[in-house]
Amino acid sequence: MPQKIWLLFLVLGTVLVISVAQLSLKAGLNAVGGVDFSSGIVLAFFRVFQNPLVLLGLFLYILGSLGWLFVLSKAHLSLAYPALSLGYVFVAVLSWFLFADHLSLLRIVGLGIIVGGVFLLSRT
């Protein structure tokens, strides 16, 4: 597999892992009812960090960060960094599917612009 295609898959995979981490954190926080400091900060964090989805989200963030470090060691930052904005697209679409978040026509157009911008930057 040519290096450029391999690196593209690594970038997209890393962005996807980080996006799934965000979704996992959201699902975990939904399950515990959010962060409530009324009973104290220690108790609030203890309650949040007992949730397996929150722990999974944190683990995926660490995994995604390690992948991103590898990407940065192999790719030009000016090409790799804009690809992170694809995370907005992944999260918006997956949030629509998993959490019934609303995707208006304007949001869909905005997501299309992001994808188009990343595509154009990748062609340079």
Protein backbone atom coordinates (compact mmCIF):
# COMPACT_ATOMS: atom_id res chain seq x y z
CA MET A 1 0.00 0.00 0.00
CA PRO A 2 1.50 3.36 -0.98
CA GLN A 3 2.60 5.50 1.96
CA LYS A 4 0.19 8.35 1.18
CA ILE A 5 -2.87 6.07 1.22
CA TRP A 6 -1.65 4.32 4.39
CA LEU A 7 -1.18 7.70 6.07
CA LEU A 8 -4.65 8.81 4.96
CA PHE A 9 -6.18 5.73 6.59
CA LEU A 10 -4.20 6.39 9.75
CA VAL A 11 -5.37 10.02 9.88
CA LEU A 12 -9.01 9.05 9.29
CA GLY A 13 -8.79 6.20 11.77
CA THR A 14 -7.35 8.49 14.43
CA VAL A 15 -10.05 11.09 13.83
CA LEU A 16 -12.70 8.38 14.01
CA VAL A 17 -11.32 7.00 17.29
CA ILE A 18 -11.32 10.49 18.82
CA SER A 19 -14.88 11.05 17.56
CA VAL A 20 -16.08 7.77 19.07
CA ALA A 21 -14.40 8.83 22.32
CA GLN A 22 -16.51 11.99 22.32
CA LEU A 23 -19.68 9.98 21.70
CA SER A 24 -18.78 7.54 24.45
CA LEU A 25 -18.23 10.38 26.92
CA LYS A 26 -21.60 11.89 25.96
CA ALA A 27 -23.40 8.57 26.36
CA GLY A 28 -21.73 7.99 29.72
CA LEU A 29 -22.62 11.45 30.99
CA ASN A 30 -26.19 11.00 29.78
CA ALA A 31 -26.33 7.75 31.76
CA VAL A 32 -25.20 9.36 35.02
CA GLY A 33 -27.31 12.47 34.52
CA GLY A 34 -24.43 14.83 33.80
CA VAL A 35 -21.94 16.43 36.14
CA ASP A 36 -23.55 17.85 39.28
CA PHE A 37 -21.29 19.63 41.76
CA SER A 38 -24.06 20.28 44.30
CA SER A 39 -22.90 17.35 46.43
CA GLY A 40 -19.24 18.28 46.09
CA ILE A 41 -16.59 18.03 43.41
CA VAL A 42 -15.04 14.78 44.65
CA LEU A 43 -18.36 12.95 44.78
CA ALA A 44 -19.34 14.30 41.36
CA PHE A 45 -16.13 13.08 39.74
CA PHE A 46 -16.31 9.74 41.55
CA ARG A 47 -19.82 9.21 40.18
CA VAL A 48 -18.81 10.19 36.63
CA PHE A 49 -15.63 8.10 36.56
CA GLN A 50 -17.48 4.98 37.70
CA ASN A 51 -19.35 4.89 34.41
CA PRO A 52 -17.83 2.41 31.92
CA LEU A 53 -18.70 4.59 28.91
CA VAL A 54 -16.84 7.55 30.42
CA LEU A 55 -13.84 5.32 31.07
CA LEU A 56 -14.04 3.95 27.52
CA GLY A 57 -14.17 7.50 26.17
CA LEU A 58 -11.07 8.48 28.12
CA PHE A 59 -9.25 5.35 26.97
CA LEU A 60 -10.16 6.09 23.35
CA TYR A 61 -8.91 9.67 23.73
CA ILE A 62 -5.56 8.32 24.91
CA LEU A 63 -5.48 5.82 22.05
CA GLY A 64 -6.42 8.53 19.55
CA SER A 65 -3.74 10.84 20.95
CA LEU A 66 -1.11 8.15 20.51
CA GLY A 67 -2.27 7.62 16.95
CA TRP A 68 -2.17 11.37 16.35
CA LEU A 69 1.41 11.55 17.63
CA PHE A 70 2.33 8.93 15.06
CA VAL A 71 0.50 10.87 12.33
CA LEU A 72 2.36 14.05 13.27
CA SER A 73 5.67 12.20 13.05
CA LYS A 74 4.90 11.15 9.46
CA ALA A 75 2.79 13.91 7.89
CA HIS A 76 3.05 17.63 7.30
CA LEU A 77 1.04 19.44 9.96
CA SER A 78 -0.50 21.73 7.34
CA LEU A 79 -2.05 18.66 5.70
CA ALA A 80 -2.85 16.52 8.73
CA TYR A 81 -4.36 19.15 11.03
CA PRO A 82 -7.27 20.16 8.77
CA ALA A 83 -8.33 16.50 8.71
CA LEU A 84 -9.22 16.83 12.40
CA SER A 85 -12.21 18.91 11.32
CA LEU A 86 -13.68 15.71 9.87
CA GLY A 87 -14.34 14.85 13.50
CA TYR A 88 -17.14 17.44 13.38
CA VAL A 89 -18.69 15.50 10.53
CA PHE A 90 -18.29 12.10 12.20
CA VAL A 91 -19.71 13.35 15.51
CA ALA A 92 -22.64 15.18 13.89
CA VAL A 93 -23.69 12.17 11.82
CA LEU A 94 -23.18 9.64 14.61
CA SER A 95 -24.94 11.92 17.12
CA TRP A 96 -27.90 12.10 14.76
CA PHE A 97 -27.92 8.32 14.57
CA LEU A 98 -27.21 7.51 18.25
CA PHE A 99 -28.71 10.43 20.17
CA ALA A 100 -31.36 11.68 17.70
CA ASP A 101 -29.58 15.04 17.45
CA HIS A 102 -31.16 17.35 14.90
CA LEU A 103 -29.37 17.79 11.56
CA SER A 104 -30.89 20.80 9.83
CA LEU A 105 -30.28 21.55 6.18
CA LEU A 106 -27.92 24.36 7.19
CA ARG A 107 -25.86 21.97 9.34
CA ILE A 108 -25.72 19.44 6.53
CA VAL A 109 -24.49 22.14 4.14
CA GLY A 110 -21.89 23.21 6.70
CA LEU A 111 -20.70 19.62 7.10
CA GLY A 112 -20.46 19.34 3.32
CA ILE A 113 -18.31 22.47 3.22
CA ILE A 114 -16.00 20.96 5.84
CA VAL A 115 -15.63 17.76 3.82
CA GLY A 116 -15.04 19.76 0.65
CA GLY A 117 -12.44 21.93 2.36
CA VAL A 118 -10.55 18.95 3.71
CA PHE A 119 -10.67 17.32 0.29
CA LEU A 120 -9.29 20.43 -1.40
CA LEU A 121 -6.50 20.78 1.18
CA SER A 122 -5.58 17.12 0.75
CA ARG A 123 -5.12 17.63 -3.00
CA THR A 124 -2.25 20.09 -2.52
